[in-house]
C-alpha cells in the first residue's frame, strides 16, 4: 500500500477548517497518533509516519453529551 502524500501540517489545517477539535497528538521518533473530535460528536484517529499520512479510522465512536439537569439541580 502506498502512503498518501499529505503532510501532518496540511491535515491539521484541513481539520481546523472543518471545525474539528484536536484531542491529542502523541508523537514518537517516527510516528504520530492524532485524535480529533468532529462536530457531530464522533472521533477519528489518524496516524502519520515520518510526517506523512498513513491511515485513519473512526472505531472510537466517542460522543460528548452535556447533562444540564445535573448543573441545574442546585438551583
PDB file of N, CA and C in Angstrom:
ATOM      1  N   UNK A   1       0.848  -1.175   0.000  1.00  0.00           N
ATOM      2  CA  UNK A   1       0.000   0.000   0.000  1.00  0.00           C
ATOM      3  C   UNK A   1       0.891   1.235   0.000  1.00  0.00           C
ATOM      4  N   UNK A   2       0.532   2.230  -0.771  1.00  0.00           N
ATOM      5  CA  UNK A   2       1.302   3.458  -0.843  1.00  0.00           C
ATOM      6  C   UNK A   2       0.806   4.450   0.206  1.00  0.00           C
ATOM      7  N   UNK A   3       1.700   5.358   0.601  1.00  0.00           N
ATOM      8  CA  UNK A   3       1.361   6.391   1.568  1.00  0.00           C
ATOM      9  C   UNK A   3       0.768   7.592   0.843  1.00  0.00           C
ATOM     10  N   UNK A   4      -0.311   8.128   1.357  1.00  0.00           N
ATOM     11  CA  UNK A   4      -0.896   9.343   0.818  1.00  0.00           C
ATOM     12  C   UNK A   4       0.063  10.493   1.093  1.00  0.00           C
ATOM     13  N   UNK A   5       0.430  11.251   0.078  1.00  0.00           N
ATOM     14  CA  UNK A   5       1.395  12.333   0.251  1.00  0.00           C
ATOM     15  C   UNK A   5       0.700  13.576   0.805  1.00  0.00           C
ATOM     16  N   UNK A   6       0.320  13.482   2.063  1.00  0.00           N
ATOM     17  CA  UNK A   6      -0.321  14.577   2.776  1.00  0.00           C
ATOM     18  C   UNK A   6       0.455  14.762   4.076  1.00  0.00           C
ATOM     19  N   UNK A   7       0.990  15.941   4.273  1.00  0.00           N
ATOM     20  CA  UNK A   7       1.765  16.179   5.489  1.00  0.00           C
ATOM     21  C   UNK A   7       0.839  16.347   6.686  1.00  0.00           C
ATOM     22  N   UNK A   8       1.401  16.115   7.850  1.00  0.00           N
ATOM     23  CA  UNK A   8       0.635  16.265   9.083  1.00  0.00           C
ATOM     24  C   UNK A   8       0.142  17.707   9.233  1.00  0.00           C
ATOM     25  N   UNK A   9       0.966  18.667   8.887  1.00  0.00           N
ATOM     26  CA  UNK A   9       0.580  20.072   8.986  1.00  0.00           C
ATOM     27  C   UNK A   9      -0.588  20.392   8.058  1.00  0.00           C
ATOM     28  N   UNK A  10      -0.555  19.873   6.831  1.00  0.00           N
ATOM     29  CA  UNK A  10      -1.663  20.081   5.895  1.00  0.00           C
ATOM     30  C   UNK A  10      -2.952  19.460   6.425  1.00  0.00           C
ATOM     31  N   UNK A  11      -2.838  18.271   7.034  1.00  0.00           N
ATOM     32  CA  UNK A  11      -4.006  17.604   7.598  1.00  0.00           C
ATOM     33  C   UNK A  11      -4.578  18.413   8.758  1.00  0.00           C
ATOM     34  N   UNK A  12      -3.691  18.956   9.616  1.00  0.00           N
ATOM     35  CA  UNK A  12      -4.142  19.804  10.724  1.00  0.00           C
ATOM     36  C   UNK A  12      -4.888  21.035  10.205  1.00  0.00           C
ATOM     37  N   UNK A  13      -4.361  21.656   9.158  1.00  0.00           N
ATOM     38  CA  UNK A  13      -5.028  22.823   8.566  1.00  0.00           C
ATOM     39  C   UNK A  13      -6.406  22.457   8.033  1.00  0.00           C
ATOM     40  N   UNK A  14      -6.502  21.300   7.358  1.00  0.00           N
ATOM     41  CA  UNK A  14      -7.787  20.824   6.857  1.00  0.00           C
ATOM     42  C   UNK A  14      -8.764  20.593   8.016  1.00  0.00           C
ATOM     43  N   UNK A  15      -8.281  19.931   9.071  1.00  0.00           N
ATOM     44  CA  UNK A  15      -9.131  19.636  10.232  1.00  0.00           C
ATOM     45  C   UNK A  15      -9.634  20.922  10.885  1.00  0.00           C
ATOM     46  N   UNK A  16      -8.765  21.891  11.018  1.00  0.00           N
ATOM     47  CA  UNK A  16      -9.162  23.165  11.613  1.00  0.00           C
ATOM     48  C   UNK A  16     -10.217  23.850  10.770  1.00  0.00           C
ATOM     49  N   UNK A  17     -10.061  23.813   9.460  1.00  0.00           N
ATOM     50  CA  UNK A  17     -11.034  24.398   8.544  1.00  0.00           C
ATOM     51  C   UNK A  17     -12.396  23.701   8.658  1.00  0.00           C
ATOM     52  N   UNK A  18     -12.380  22.391   8.934  1.00  0.00           N
ATOM     53  CA  UNK A  18     -13.618  21.628   9.089  1.00  0.00           C
ATOM     54  C   UNK A  18     -14.279  21.847  10.444  1.00  0.00           C
ATOM     55  N   UNK A  19     -13.572  22.492  11.378  1.00  0.00           N
ATOM     56  CA  UNK A  19     -14.115  22.724  12.716  1.00  0.00           C
ATOM     57  C   UNK A  19     -13.887  21.567  13.669  1.00  0.00           C
ATOM     58  N   UNK A  20     -12.921  20.699  13.348  1.00  0.00           N
ATOM     59  CA  UNK A  20     -12.613  19.561  14.220  1.00  0.00           C
ATOM     60  C   UNK A  20     -11.759  20.026  15.384  1.00  0.00           C
ATOM     61  N   UNK A  21     -11.993  19.456  16.549  1.00  0.00           N
ATOM     62  CA  UNK A  21     -11.244  19.791  17.753  1.00  0.00           C
ATOM     63  C   UNK A  21     -10.124  18.781  17.945  1.00  0.00           C
ATOM     64  N   UNK A  22      -8.893  19.263  18.065  1.00  0.00           N
ATOM     65  CA  UNK A  22      -7.752  18.389  18.291  1.00  0.00           C
ATOM     66  C   UNK A  22      -7.805  17.883  19.725  1.00  0.00           C
ATOM     67  N   UNK A  23      -7.896  16.565  19.898  1.00  0.00           N
ATOM     68  CA  UNK A  23      -7.948  15.966  21.228  1.00  0.00           C
ATOM     69  C   UNK A  23      -6.562  15.643  21.765  1.00  0.00           C
ATOM     70  N   UNK A  24      -5.720  15.052  20.916  1.00  0.00           N
ATOM     71  CA  UNK A  24      -4.361  14.722  21.331  1.00  0.00           C
ATOM     72  C   UNK A  24      -3.470  14.565  20.108  1.00  0.00           C
ATOM     73  N   UNK A  25      -2.178  14.699  20.340  1.00  0.00           N
ATOM     74  CA  UNK A  25      -1.164  14.487  19.310  1.00  0.00           C
ATOM     75  C   UNK A  25       0.011  13.802  19.993  1.00  0.00           C
ATOM     76  N   UNK A  26      -0.003  12.483  19.968  1.00  0.00           N
ATOM     77  CA  UNK A  26       1.023  11.669  20.621  1.00  0.00           C
ATOM     78  C   UNK A  26       2.130  11.373  19.617  1.00  0.00           C
ATOM     79  N   UNK A  27       3.338  11.881  19.892  1.00  0.00           N
ATOM     80  CA  UNK A  27       4.441  11.743  18.942  1.00  0.00           C
ATOM     81  C   UNK A  27       5.542  10.838  19.490  1.00  0.00           C
ATOM     82  N   UNK A  28       6.151  10.093  18.565  1.00  0.00           N
ATOM     83  CA  UNK A  28       7.364   9.329  18.836  1.00  0.00           C
ATOM     84  C   UNK A  28       8.404   9.766  17.805  1.00  0.00           C
ATOM     85  N   UNK A  29       9.508   9.057  17.721  1.00  0.00           N
ATOM     86  CA  UNK A  29      10.554   9.439  16.769  1.00  0.00           C
ATOM     87  C   UNK A  29      10.094   9.374  15.315  1.00  0.00           C
ATOM     88  N   UNK A  30       9.292   8.386  14.971  1.00  0.00           N
ATOM     89  CA  UNK A  30       8.893   8.216  13.572  1.00  0.00           C
ATOM     90  C   UNK A  30       7.394   8.287  13.346  1.00  0.00           C
ATOM     91  N   UNK A  31       6.597   8.191  14.391  1.00  0.00           N
ATOM     92  CA  UNK A  31       5.149   8.074  14.233  1.00  0.00           C
ATOM     93  C   UNK A  31       4.431   9.113  15.078  1.00  0.00           C
ATOM     94  N   UNK A  32       3.279   9.539  14.609  1.00  0.00           N
ATOM     95  CA  UNK A  32       2.429  10.458  15.349  1.00  0.00           C
ATOM     96  C   UNK A  32       0.994   9.957  15.277  1.00  0.00           C
ATOM     97  N   UNK A  33       0.346   9.870  16.430  1.00  0.00           N
ATOM     98  CA  UNK A  33      -1.055   9.460  16.507  1.00  0.00           C
ATOM     99  C   UNK A  33      -1.864  10.674  16.934  1.00  0.00           C
ATOM    100  N   UNK A  34      -2.869  11.016  16.135  1.00  0.00           N
ATOM    101  CA  UNK A  34      -3.632  12.241  16.355  1.00  0.00           C
ATOM    102  C   UNK A  34      -5.111  11.907  16.449  1.00  0.00           C
ATOM    103  N   UNK A  35      -5.777  12.457  17.459  1.00  0.00           N
ATOM    104  CA  UNK A  35      -7.209  12.257  17.621  1.00  0.00           C
ATOM    105  C   UNK A  35      -7.960  13.562  17.468  1.00  0.00           C
ATOM    106  N   UNK A  36      -9.087  13.517  16.781  1.00  0.00           N
ATOM    107  CA  UNK A  36      -9.936  14.695  16.569  1.00  0.00           C
ATOM    108  C   UNK A  36     -11.364  14.396  16.997  1.00  0.00           C
ATOM    109  N   UNK A  37     -12.017  15.386  17.547  1.00  0.00           N
ATOM    110  CA  UNK A  37     -13.443  15.320  17.845  1.00  0.00           C
ATOM    111  C   UNK A  37     -14.166  16.086  16.749  1.00  0.00           C
ATOM    112  N   UNK A  38     -15.071  15.395  16.048  1.00  0.00           N
ATOM    113  CA  UNK A  38     -15.806  16.019  14.955  1.00  0.00           C
ATOM    114  C   UNK A  38     -17.000  16.796  15.489  1.00  0.00           C
ATOM    115  N   UNK A  39     -17.580  17.622  14.655  1.00  0.00           N
ATOM    116  CA  UNK A  39     -18.711  18.448  15.062  1.00  0.00           C
ATOM    117  C   UNK A  39     -19.934  17.634  15.442  1.00  0.00           C
ATOM    118  N   UNK A  40     -20.065  16.421  14.926  1.00  0.00           N
ATOM    119  CA  UNK A  40     -21.224  15.599  15.254  1.00  0.00           C
ATOM    120  C   UNK A  40     -21.002  14.774  16.524  1.00  0.00           C
ATOM    121  N   UNK A  41     -19.853  14.942  17.182  1.00  0.00           N
ATOM    122  CA  UNK A  41     -19.582  14.241  18.433  1.00  0.00           C
ATOM    123  C   UNK A  41     -18.787  12.966  18.286  1.00  0.00           C
ATOM    124  N   UNK A  42     -18.554  12.496  17.068  1.00  0.00           N
ATOM    125  CA  UNK A  42     -17.759  11.283  16.886  1.00  0.00           C
ATOM    126  C   UNK A  42     -16.276  11.653  16.798  1.00  0.00           C
ATOM    127  N   UNK A  43     -15.436  10.658  16.944  1.00  0.00           N
ATOM    128  CA  UNK A  43     -13.987  10.870  16.923  1.00  0.00           C
ATOM    129  C   UNK A  43     -13.358  10.141  15.747  1.00  0.00           C
ATOM    130  N   UNK A  44     -12.259  10.697  15.283  1.00  0.00           N
ATOM    131  CA  UNK A  44     -11.435   9.992  14.307  1.00  0.00           C
ATOM    132  C   UNK A  44     -10.014   9.955  14.840  1.00  0.00           C
ATOM    133  N   UNK A  45      -9.274   8.997  14.357  1.00  0.00           N
ATOM    134  CA  UNK A  45      -7.924   8.746  14.800  1.00  0.00           C
ATOM    135  C   UNK A  45      -7.050   8.630  13.558  1.00  0.00           C
ATOM    136  N   UNK A  46      -6.027   9.498  13.439  1.00  0.00           N
ATOM    137  CA  UNK A  46      -5.153   9.489  12.273  1.00  0.00           C
ATOM    138  C   UNK A  46      -3.726   9.157  12.693  1.00  0.00           C
ATOM    139  N   UNK A  47      -3.015   8.432  11.830  1.00  0.00           N
ATOM    140  CA  UNK A  47      -1.622   8.062  12.083  1.00  0.00           C
ATOM    141  C   UNK A  47      -0.763   8.658  10.976  1.00  0.00           C
ATOM    142  N   UNK A  48       0.341   9.283  11.376  1.00  0.00           N
ATOM    143  CA  UNK A  48       1.306   9.854  10.447  1.00  0.00           C
ATOM    144  C   UNK A  48       2.644   9.200  10.718  1.00  0.00           C
ATOM    145  N   UNK A  49       3.305   8.745   9.658  1.00  0.00           N
ATOM    146  CA  UNK A  49       4.630   8.148   9.785  1.00  0.00           C
ATOM    147  C   UNK A  49       5.607   9.037   9.035  1.00  0.00           C
ATOM    148  N   UNK A  50       6.655   9.451   9.751  1.00  0.00           N
ATOM    149  CA  UNK A  50       7.650  10.379   9.199  1.00  0.00           C
ATOM    150  C   UNK A  50       6.995  11.630   8.628  1.00  0.00           C
ATOM    151  N   UNK A  51       5.945  12.112   9.280  1.00  0.00           N
ATOM    152  CA  UNK A  51       5.280  13.345   8.889  1.00  0.00           C
ATOM    153  C   UNK A  51       4.267  13.221   7.772  1.00  0.00           C
ATOM    154  N   UNK A  52       4.051  12.007   7.241  1.00  0.00           N
ATOM    155  CA  UNK A  52       3.092  11.813   6.159  1.00  0.00           C
ATOM    156  C   UNK A  52       1.938  10.935   6.613  1.00  0.00           C
ATOM    157  N   UNK A  53       0.756  11.242   6.107  1.00  0.00           N
ATOM    158  CA  UNK A  53      -0.452  10.494   6.440  1.00  0.00           C
ATOM    159  C   UNK A  53      -0.267   9.014   6.130  1.00  0.00           C
ATOM    160  N   UNK A  54      -0.638   8.150   7.101  1.00  0.00           N
ATOM    161  CA  UNK A  54      -0.536   6.714   6.895  1.00  0.00           C
ATOM    162  C   UNK A  54      -1.888   6.021   6.955  1.00  0.00           C
ATOM    163  N   UNK A  55      -2.765   6.465   7.844  1.00  0.00           N
ATOM    164  CA  UNK A  55      -4.067   5.822   7.959  1.00  0.00           C
ATOM    165  C   UNK A  55      -4.966   6.559   8.925  1.00  0.00           C
ATOM    166  N   UNK A  56      -6.255   6.195   8.887  1.00  0.00           N
ATOM    167  CA  UNK A  56      -7.237   6.853   9.737  1.00  0.00           C
ATOM    168  C   UNK A  56      -8.370   5.874  10.008  1.00  0.00           C
ATOM    169  N   UNK A  57      -8.953   5.967  11.207  1.00  0.00           N
ATOM    170  CA  UNK A  57     -10.135   5.171  11.496  1.00  0.00           C
ATOM    171  C   UNK A  57     -11.063   5.944  12.418  1.00  0.00           C
ATOM    172  N   UNK A  58     -12.266   5.461  12.571  1.00  0.00           N
ATOM    173  CA  UNK A  58     -13.248   6.085  13.461  1.00  0.00           C
ATOM    174  C   UNK A  58     -13.836   5.052  14.410  1.00  0.00           C
ATOM    175  N   UNK A  59     -13.031   4.066  14.784  1.00  0.00           N
ATOM    176  CA  UNK A  59     -13.540   2.984  15.619  1.00  0.00           C
ATOM    177  C   UNK A  59     -13.842   3.430  17.041  1.00  0.00           C
ATOM    178  N   UNK A  60     -13.298   4.555  17.470  1.00  0.00           N
ATOM    179  CA  UNK A  60     -13.567   5.017  18.834  1.00  0.00           C
ATOM    180  C   UNK A  60     -15.049   5.334  19.015  1.00  0.00           C
ATOM    181  N   UNK A  61     -15.671   5.933  18.003  1.00  0.00           N
ATOM    182  CA  UNK A  61     -17.090   6.266  18.015  1.00  0.00           C
ATOM    183  C   UNK A  61     -17.508   6.943  19.318  1.00  0.00           C
ATOM    184  N   UNK A  62     -16.681   7.870  19.772  1.00  0.00           N
ATOM    185  CA  UNK A  62     -16.953   8.582  21.022  1.00  0.00           C
ATOM    186  C   UNK A  62     -17.932   9.728  20.789  1.00  0.00           C
ATOM    187  N   UNK A  63     -18.704  10.028  21.807  1.00  0.00           N
ATOM    188  CA  UNK A  63     -19.613  11.161  21.738  1.00  0.00           C
ATOM    189  C   UNK A  63     -19.524  11.964  23.033  1.00  0.00           C
ATOM    190  N   UNK A  64     -19.896  13.208  22.938  1.00  0.00           N
ATOM    191  CA  UNK A  64     -19.960  14.077  24.110  1.00  0.00           C
ATOM    192  C   UNK A  64     -21.409  14.432  24.368  1.00  0.00           C
ATOM    193  N   UNK A  65     -21.828  14.300  25.597  1.00  0.00           N
ATOM    194  CA  UNK A  65     -23.171  14.705  25.979  1.00  0.00           C
ATOM    195  C   UNK A  65     -23.065  15.614  27.192  1.00  0.00           C
ATOM    196  N   UNK A  66     -23.726  16.740  27.136  1.00  0.00           N
ATOM    197  CA  UNK A  66     -23.730  17.666  28.258  1.00  0.00           C
ATOM    198  C   UNK A  66     -25.031  17.475  29.015  1.00  0.00           C
ATOM    199  N   UNK A  67     -24.933  17.127  30.284  1.00  0.00           N
ATOM    200  CA  UNK A  67     -26.102  16.908  31.108  1.00  0.00           C
ATOM    201  C   UNK A  67     -26.408  18.183  31.883  1.00  0.00           C
ATOM    202  N   UNK A  68     -27.326  18.977  31.368  1.00  0.00           N
ATOM    203  CA  UNK A  68     -27.640  20.262  32.009  1.00  0.00           C
ATOM    204  C   UNK A  68     -28.525  20.059  33.239  1.00  0.00           C
ATOM    205  N   UNK A  69     -29.194  18.920  33.350  1.00  0.00           N
ATOM    206  CA  UNK A  69     -30.039  18.665  34.512  1.00  0.00           C
ATOM    207  C   UNK A  69     -29.204  18.637  35.790  1.00  0.00           C
ATOM    208  N   UNK A  70     -28.013  18.018  35.706  1.00  0.00           N
ATOM    209  CA  UNK A  70     -27.157  17.948  36.881  1.00  0.00           C
ATOM    210  C   UNK A  70     -26.662  19.341  37.274  1.00  0.00           C
ATOM    211  N   UNK A  71     -26.356  20.174  36.298  1.00  0.00           N
ATOM    212  CA  UNK A  71     -25.904  21.537  36.575  1.00  0.00           C
ATOM    213  C   UNK A  71     -27.015  22.382  37.169  1.00  0.00           C
ATOM    214  N   UNK A  72     -28.260  22.127  36.781  1.00  0.00           N
ATOM    215  CA  UNK A  72     -29.382  22.926  37.255  1.00  0.00           C
ATOM    216  C   UNK A  72     -29.998  22.364  38.529  1.00  0.00           C
ATOM    217  N   UNK A  73     -29.527  21.231  39.011  1.00  0.00           N
ATOM    218  CA  UNK A  73     -30.113  20.607  40.194  1.00  0.00           C
ATOM    219  C   UNK A  73     -29.916  21.441  41.449  1.00  0.00           C
ATOM    220  N   UNK A  74     -28.859  22.268  41.469  1.00  0.00           N
ATOM    221  CA  UNK A  74     -28.582  23.082  42.650  1.00  0.00           C
ATOM    222  C   UNK A  74     -29.473  24.316  42.706  1.00  0.00           C
ATOM    223  N   UNK A  75     -30.121  24.686  41.596  1.00  0.00           N
ATOM    224  CA  UNK A  75     -30.953  25.911  41.558  1.00  0.00           C
ATOM    225  C   UNK A  75     -32.165  25.805  42.422  1.00  0.00           C
TER     226      UNK A  75
END
